[in-house]
Amino acid sequence: MKIKKVSMIPGCISCGTCEVICSKVFTVKDIAYVDDTVDPNEHKDDVEEAADMCPVSVIKVEHEKK
């Protein structure tokens, strides 16, 4: 299913897991940020893996409805 939006909710612990898995979409500075200029669908598997592996579950991946 196509990704509609990727966002971060408060609570990031800056562990860097998302950036290691998908540095094209995620950047960690003081907390993790999503690069809105990149189409997350070009890195769909990595984006979804980063969300699944986030130890505090702050990465939200919204999918388009069919």
PDB file of N, CA and C in Angstrom:
ATOM      1  N   MET A   1       0.832  -1.170   0.000  1.00  0.00           N
ATOM      2  CA  MET A   1       0.000   0.000   0.000  1.00  0.00           C
ATOM      3  C   MET A   1       0.889   1.250   0.000  1.00  0.00           C
ATOM      4  N   LYS A   2       0.521   2.241  -0.757  1.00  0.00           N
ATOM      5  CA  LYS A   2       1.320   3.458  -0.903  1.00  0.00           C
ATOM      6  C   LYS A   2       1.292   4.312   0.373  1.00  0.00           C
ATOM      7  N   ILE A   3       2.446   4.897   0.700  1.00  0.00           N
ATOM      8  CA  ILE A   3       2.555   5.764   1.870  1.00  0.00           C
ATOM      9  C   ILE A   3       2.005   7.143   1.531  1.00  0.00           C
ATOM     10  N   LYS A   4       1.143   7.642   2.400  1.00  0.00           N
ATOM     11  CA  LYS A   4       0.574   8.984   2.250  1.00  0.00           C
ATOM     12  C   LYS A   4       1.436  10.018   2.977  1.00  0.00           C
ATOM     13  N   LYS A   5       1.875   9.673   4.209  1.00  0.00           N
ATOM     14  CA  LYS A   5       2.626  10.630   5.022  1.00  0.00           C
ATOM     15  C   LYS A   5       3.439   9.900   6.081  1.00  0.00           C
ATOM     16  N   VAL A   6       4.620  10.442   6.368  1.00  0.00           N
ATOM     17  CA  VAL A   6       5.463   9.953   7.462  1.00  0.00           C
ATOM     18  C   VAL A   6       5.667  11.114   8.420  1.00  0.00           C
ATOM     19  N   SER A   7       5.449  10.868   9.703  1.00  0.00           N
ATOM     20  CA  SER A   7       5.613  11.935  10.682  1.00  0.00           C
ATOM     21  C   SER A   7       6.173  11.379  11.982  1.00  0.00           C
ATOM     22  N   MET A   8       6.646  12.274  12.818  1.00  0.00           N
ATOM     23  CA  MET A   8       7.181  11.924  14.129  1.00  0.00           C
ATOM     24  C   MET A   8       6.261  12.522  15.181  1.00  0.00           C
ATOM     25  N   ILE A   9       5.951  11.737  16.203  1.00  0.00           N
ATOM     26  CA  ILE A   9       5.213  12.282  17.329  1.00  0.00           C
ATOM     27  C   ILE A   9       6.215  12.536  18.453  1.00  0.00           C
ATOM     28  N   PRO A  10       5.876  13.365  19.424  1.00  0.00           N
ATOM     29  CA  PRO A  10       6.813  13.645  20.517  1.00  0.00           C
ATOM     30  C   PRO A  10       7.235  12.369  21.246  1.00  0.00           C
ATOM     31  N   GLY A  11       8.484  12.355  21.672  1.00  0.00           N
ATOM     32  CA  GLY A  11       8.998  11.242  22.450  1.00  0.00           C
ATOM     33  C   GLY A  11      10.263  10.619  21.892  1.00  0.00           C
ATOM     34  N   CYS A  12      10.779  11.173  20.797  1.00  0.00           N
ATOM     35  CA  CYS A  12      12.002  10.645  20.192  1.00  0.00           C
ATOM     36  C   CYS A  12      13.138  10.711  21.212  1.00  0.00           C
ATOM     37  N   ILE A  13      13.921   9.611  21.287  1.00  0.00           N
ATOM     38  CA  ILE A  13      15.049   9.554  22.216  1.00  0.00           C
ATOM     39  C   ILE A  13      16.393   9.702  21.504  1.00  0.00           C
ATOM     40  N   SER A  14      16.355  10.075  20.228  1.00  0.00           N
ATOM     41  CA  SER A  14      17.562  10.332  19.437  1.00  0.00           C
ATOM     42  C   SER A  14      18.512   9.141  19.368  1.00  0.00           C
ATOM     43  N   CYS A  15      17.968   7.943  19.286  1.00  0.00           N
ATOM     44  CA  CYS A  15      18.824   6.750  19.262  1.00  0.00           C
ATOM     45  C   CYS A  15      19.510   6.556  17.915  1.00  0.00           C
ATOM     46  N   GLY A  16      18.929   7.114  16.844  1.00  0.00           N
ATOM     47  CA  GLY A  16      19.540   7.030  15.523  1.00  0.00           C
ATOM     48  C   GLY A  16      19.151   5.819  14.698  1.00  0.00           C
ATOM     49  N   THR A  17      18.305   4.965  15.233  1.00  0.00           N
ATOM     50  CA  THR A  17      17.908   3.759  14.511  1.00  0.00           C
ATOM     51  C   THR A  17      17.290   4.084  13.160  1.00  0.00           C
ATOM     52  N   CYS A  18      16.377   5.046  13.120  1.00  0.00           N
ATOM     53  CA  CYS A  18      15.702   5.389  11.859  1.00  0.00           C
ATOM     54  C   CYS A  18      16.691   5.901  10.815  1.00  0.00           C
ATOM     55  N   GLU A  19      17.645   6.701  11.243  1.00  0.00           N
ATOM     56  CA  GLU A  19      18.634   7.251  10.318  1.00  0.00           C
ATOM     57  C   GLU A  19      19.563   6.162   9.780  1.00  0.00           C
ATOM     58  N   VAL A  20      19.927   5.201  10.612  1.00  0.00           N
ATOM     59  CA  VAL A  20      20.764   4.091  10.162  1.00  0.00           C
ATOM     60  C   VAL A  20      20.023   3.264   9.117  1.00  0.00           C
ATOM     61  N   ILE A  21      18.743   3.026   9.355  1.00  0.00           N
ATOM     62  CA  ILE A  21      17.945   2.199   8.444  1.00  0.00           C
ATOM     63  C   ILE A  21      17.596   2.951   7.164  1.00  0.00           C
ATOM     64  N   CYS A  22      17.271   4.242   7.277  1.00  0.00           N
ATOM     65  CA  CYS A  22      16.791   4.997   6.106  1.00  0.00           C
ATOM     66  C   CYS A  22      17.240   6.459   6.166  1.00  0.00           C
ATOM     67  N   SER A  23      18.517   6.687   5.908  1.00  0.00           N
ATOM     68  CA  SER A  23      19.065   8.047   5.991  1.00  0.00           C
ATOM     69  C   SER A  23      18.547   8.970   4.888  1.00  0.00           C
ATOM     70  N   LYS A  24      17.927   8.433   3.866  1.00  0.00           N
ATOM     71  CA  LYS A  24      17.348   9.269   2.798  1.00  0.00           C
ATOM     72  C   LYS A  24      16.106   9.999   3.291  1.00  0.00           C
ATOM     73  N   VAL A  25      15.434   9.461   4.304  1.00  0.00           N
ATOM     74  CA  VAL A  25      14.181  10.050   4.802  1.00  0.00           C
ATOM     75  C   VAL A  25      14.333  10.627   6.210  1.00  0.00           C
ATOM     76  N   PHE A  26      15.159  10.005   7.060  1.00  0.00           N
ATOM     77  CA  PHE A  26      15.279  10.427   8.460  1.00  0.00           C
ATOM     78  C   PHE A  26      16.649  11.016   8.753  1.00  0.00           C
ATOM     79  N   THR A  27      16.655  12.092   9.551  1.00  0.00           N
ATOM     80  CA  THR A  27      17.877  12.725  10.021  1.00  0.00           C
ATOM     81  C   THR A  27      17.743  12.942  11.518  1.00  0.00           C
ATOM     82  N   VAL A  28      18.777  12.580  12.263  1.00  0.00           N
ATOM     83  CA  VAL A  28      18.753  12.795  13.706  1.00  0.00           C
ATOM     84  C   VAL A  28      19.701  13.935  14.026  1.00  0.00           C
ATOM     85  N   LYS A  29      19.144  14.951  14.665  1.00  0.00           N
ATOM     86  CA  LYS A  29      19.946  16.070  15.184  1.00  0.00           C
ATOM     87  C   LYS A  29      19.748  16.017  16.691  1.00  0.00           C
ATOM     88  N   ASP A  30      18.967  16.938  17.242  1.00  0.00           N
ATOM     89  CA  ASP A  30      18.615  16.828  18.659  1.00  0.00           C
ATOM     90  C   ASP A  30      17.530  15.768  18.842  1.00  0.00           C
ATOM     91  N   ILE A  31      16.675  15.600  17.832  1.00  0.00           N
ATOM     92  CA  ILE A  31      15.694  14.528  17.717  1.00  0.00           C
ATOM     93  C   ILE A  31      15.635  14.125  16.245  1.00  0.00           C
ATOM     94  N   ALA A  32      14.869  13.114  15.934  1.00  0.00           N
ATOM     95  CA  ALA A  32      14.755  12.672  14.536  1.00  0.00           C
ATOM     96  C   ALA A  32      13.781  13.560  13.770  1.00  0.00           C
ATOM     97  N   TYR A  33      14.111  13.788  12.512  1.00  0.00           N
ATOM     98  CA  TYR A  33      13.283  14.589  11.614  1.00  0.00           C
ATOM     99  C   TYR A  33      13.029  13.800  10.335  1.00  0.00           C
ATOM    100  N   VAL A  34      11.868  14.060   9.726  1.00  0.00           N
ATOM    101  CA  VAL A  34      11.512  13.464   8.444  1.00  0.00           C
ATOM    102  C   VAL A  34      11.792  14.493   7.361  1.00  0.00           C
ATOM    103  N   ASP A  35      12.490  14.106   6.310  1.00  0.00           N
ATOM    104  CA  ASP A  35      12.752  14.987   5.175  1.00  0.00           C
ATOM    105  C   ASP A  35      11.524  14.975   4.271  1.00  0.00           C
ATOM    106  N   ASP A  36      10.729  16.040   4.348  1.00  0.00           N
ATOM    107  CA  ASP A  36       9.485  16.128   3.581  1.00  0.00           C
ATOM    108  C   ASP A  36       9.719  16.351   2.088  1.00  0.00           C
ATOM    109  N   THR A  37      10.963  16.578   1.687  1.00  0.00           N
ATOM    110  CA  THR A  37      11.240  16.792   0.261  1.00  0.00           C
ATOM    111  C   THR A  37      11.460  15.474  -0.478  1.00  0.00           C
ATOM    112  N   VAL A  38      11.537  14.383   0.271  1.00  0.00           N
ATOM    113  CA  VAL A  38      11.779  13.061  -0.311  1.00  0.00           C
ATOM    114  C   VAL A  38      10.461  12.283  -0.336  1.00  0.00           C
ATOM    115  N   ASP A  39      10.185  11.626  -1.462  1.00  0.00           N
ATOM    116  CA  ASP A  39       9.001  10.774  -1.552  1.00  0.00           C
ATOM    117  C   ASP A  39       9.280   9.496  -0.763  1.00  0.00           C
ATOM    118  N   PRO A  40       8.560   9.269   0.340  1.00  0.00           N
ATOM    119  CA  PRO A  40       8.840   8.080   1.154  1.00  0.00           C
ATOM    120  C   PRO A  40       8.570   6.770   0.410  1.00  0.00           C
ATOM    121  N   ASN A  41       7.776   6.834  -0.642  1.00  0.00           N
ATOM    122  CA  ASN A  41       7.482   5.622  -1.400  1.00  0.00           C
ATOM    123  C   ASN A  41       8.701   5.119  -2.174  1.00  0.00           C
ATOM    124  N   GLU A  42       9.662   5.995  -2.423  1.00  0.00           N
ATOM    125  CA  GLU A  42      10.906   5.574  -3.079  1.00  0.00           C
ATOM    126  C   GLU A  42      11.765   4.717  -2.144  1.00  0.00           C
ATOM    127  N   HIS A  43      11.455   4.782  -0.844  1.00  0.00           N
ATOM    128  CA  HIS A  43      12.208   4.038   0.180  1.00  0.00           C
ATOM    129  C   HIS A  43      11.224   3.321   1.109  1.00  0.00           C
ATOM    130  N   LYS A  44      10.121   2.893   0.561  1.00  0.00           N
ATOM    131  CA  LYS A  44       8.987   2.357   1.337  1.00  0.00           C
ATOM    132  C   LYS A  44       9.388   1.266   2.335  1.00  0.00           C
ATOM    133  N   ASP A  45      10.112   0.265   1.880  1.00  0.00           N
ATOM    134  CA  ASP A  45      10.484  -0.833   2.771  1.00  0.00           C
ATOM    135  C   ASP A  45      11.339  -0.352   3.936  1.00  0.00           C
ATOM    136  N   ASP A  46      12.277   0.547   3.654  1.00  0.00           N
ATOM    137  CA  ASP A  46      13.148   1.077   4.708  1.00  0.00           C
ATOM    138  C   ASP A  46      12.372   1.965   5.680  1.00  0.00           C
ATOM    139  N   VAL A  47      11.457   2.781   5.169  1.00  0.00           N
ATOM    140  CA  VAL A  47      10.635   3.639   6.030  1.00  0.00           C
ATOM    141  C   VAL A  47       9.808   2.780   6.981  1.00  0.00           C
ATOM    142  N   GLU A  48       9.190   1.751   6.452  1.00  0.00           N
ATOM    143  CA  GLU A  48       8.361   0.886   7.285  1.00  0.00           C
ATOM    144  C   GLU A  48       9.201   0.097   8.290  1.00  0.00           C
ATOM    145  N   GLU A  49      10.402  -0.318   7.883  1.00  0.00           N
ATOM    146  CA  GLU A  49      11.294  -1.002   8.820  1.00  0.00           C
ATOM    147  C   GLU A  49      11.724  -0.053   9.936  1.00  0.00           C
ATOM    148  N   ALA A  50      12.048   1.186   9.591  1.00  0.00           N
ATOM    149  CA  ALA A  50      12.449   2.169  10.605  1.00  0.00           C
ATOM    150  C   ALA A  50      11.314   2.386  11.614  1.00  0.00           C
ATOM    151  N   ALA A  51      10.097   2.486  11.126  1.00  0.00           N
ATOM    152  CA  ALA A  51       8.954   2.660  12.021  1.00  0.00           C
ATOM    153  C   ALA A  51       8.794   1.444  12.934  1.00  0.00           C
ATOM    154  N   ASP A  52       8.945   0.256  12.376  1.00  0.00           N
ATOM    155  CA  ASP A  52       8.815  -0.977  13.164  1.00  0.00           C
ATOM    156  C   ASP A  52       9.924  -1.114  14.196  1.00  0.00           C
ATOM    157  N   MET A  53      11.124  -0.658  13.860  1.00  0.00           N
ATOM    158  CA  MET A  53      12.277  -0.826  14.743  1.00  0.00           C
ATOM    159  C   MET A  53      12.454   0.306  15.760  1.00  0.00           C
ATOM    160  N   CYS A  54      11.709   1.380  15.616  1.00  0.00           N
ATOM    161  CA  CYS A  54      11.819   2.509  16.557  1.00  0.00           C
ATOM    162  C   CYS A  54      11.506   2.012  17.975  1.00  0.00           C
ATOM    163  N   PRO A  55      12.451   2.148  18.903  1.00  0.00           N
ATOM    164  CA  PRO A  55      12.237   1.602  20.253  1.00  0.00           C
ATOM    165  C   PRO A  55      11.155   2.321  21.060  1.00  0.00           C
ATOM    166  N   VAL A  56      10.786   3.520  20.645  1.00  0.00           N
ATOM    167  CA  VAL A  56       9.736   4.258  21.367  1.00  0.00           C
ATOM    168  C   VAL A  56       8.496   4.502  20.500  1.00  0.00           C
ATOM    169  N   SER A  57       8.463   3.908  19.329  1.00  0.00           N
ATOM    170  CA  SER A  57       7.288   3.937  18.430  1.00  0.00           C
ATOM    171  C   SER A  57       6.761   5.344  18.141  1.00  0.00           C
ATOM    172  N   VAL A  58       7.673   6.251  17.786  1.00  0.00           N
ATOM    173  CA  VAL A  58       7.252   7.621  17.493  1.00  0.00           C
ATOM    174  C   VAL A  58       7.158   7.936  15.997  1.00  0.00           C
ATOM    175  N   ILE A  59       7.494   6.971  15.151  1.00  0.00           N
ATOM    176  CA  ILE A  59       7.388   7.182  13.704  1.00  0.00           C
ATOM    177  C   ILE A  59       6.020   6.691  13.262  1.00  0.00           C
ATOM    178  N   LYS A  60       5.238   7.584  12.683  1.00  0.00           N
ATOM    179  CA  LYS A  60       3.906   7.239  12.217  1.00  0.00           C
ATOM    180  C   LYS A  60       3.892   7.246  10.695  1.00  0.00           C
ATOM    181  N   VAL A  61       3.480   6.133  10.129  1.00  0.00           N
ATOM    182  CA  VAL A  61       3.402   5.974   8.678  1.00  0.00           C
ATOM    183  C   VAL A  61       1.924   5.841   8.321  1.00  0.00           C
ATOM    184  N   GLU A  62       1.409   6.832   7.587  1.00  0.00           N
ATOM    185  CA  GLU A  62       0.020   6.797   7.143  1.00  0.00           C
ATOM    186  C   GLU A  62      -0.010   6.283   5.703  1.00  0.00           C
ATOM    187  N   HIS A  63      -0.881   5.326   5.449  1.00  0.00           N
ATOM    188  CA  HIS A  63      -1.016   4.770   4.105  1.00  0.00           C
ATOM    189  C   HIS A  63      -2.265   5.319   3.439  1.00  0.00           C
ATOM    190  N   GLU A  64      -2.202   5.429   2.112  1.00  0.00           N
ATOM    191  CA  GLU A  64      -3.371   5.866   1.355  1.00  0.00           C
ATOM    192  C   GLU A  64      -4.416   4.775   1.405  1.00  0.00           C
ATOM    193  N   LYS A  65      -5.663   5.195   1.458  1.00  0.00           N
ATOM    194  CA  LYS A  65      -6.751   4.234   1.451  1.00  0.00           C
ATOM    195  C   LYS A  65      -7.031   3.799   0.034  1.00  0.00           C
ATOM    196  N   LYS A  66      -7.422   2.561  -0.104  1.00  0.00           N
ATOM    197  CA  LYS A  66      -7.715   2.029  -1.437  1.00  0.00           C
ATOM    198  C   LYS A  66      -8.996   2.583  -1.986  1.00  0.00           C
TER     199      LYS A  66
END
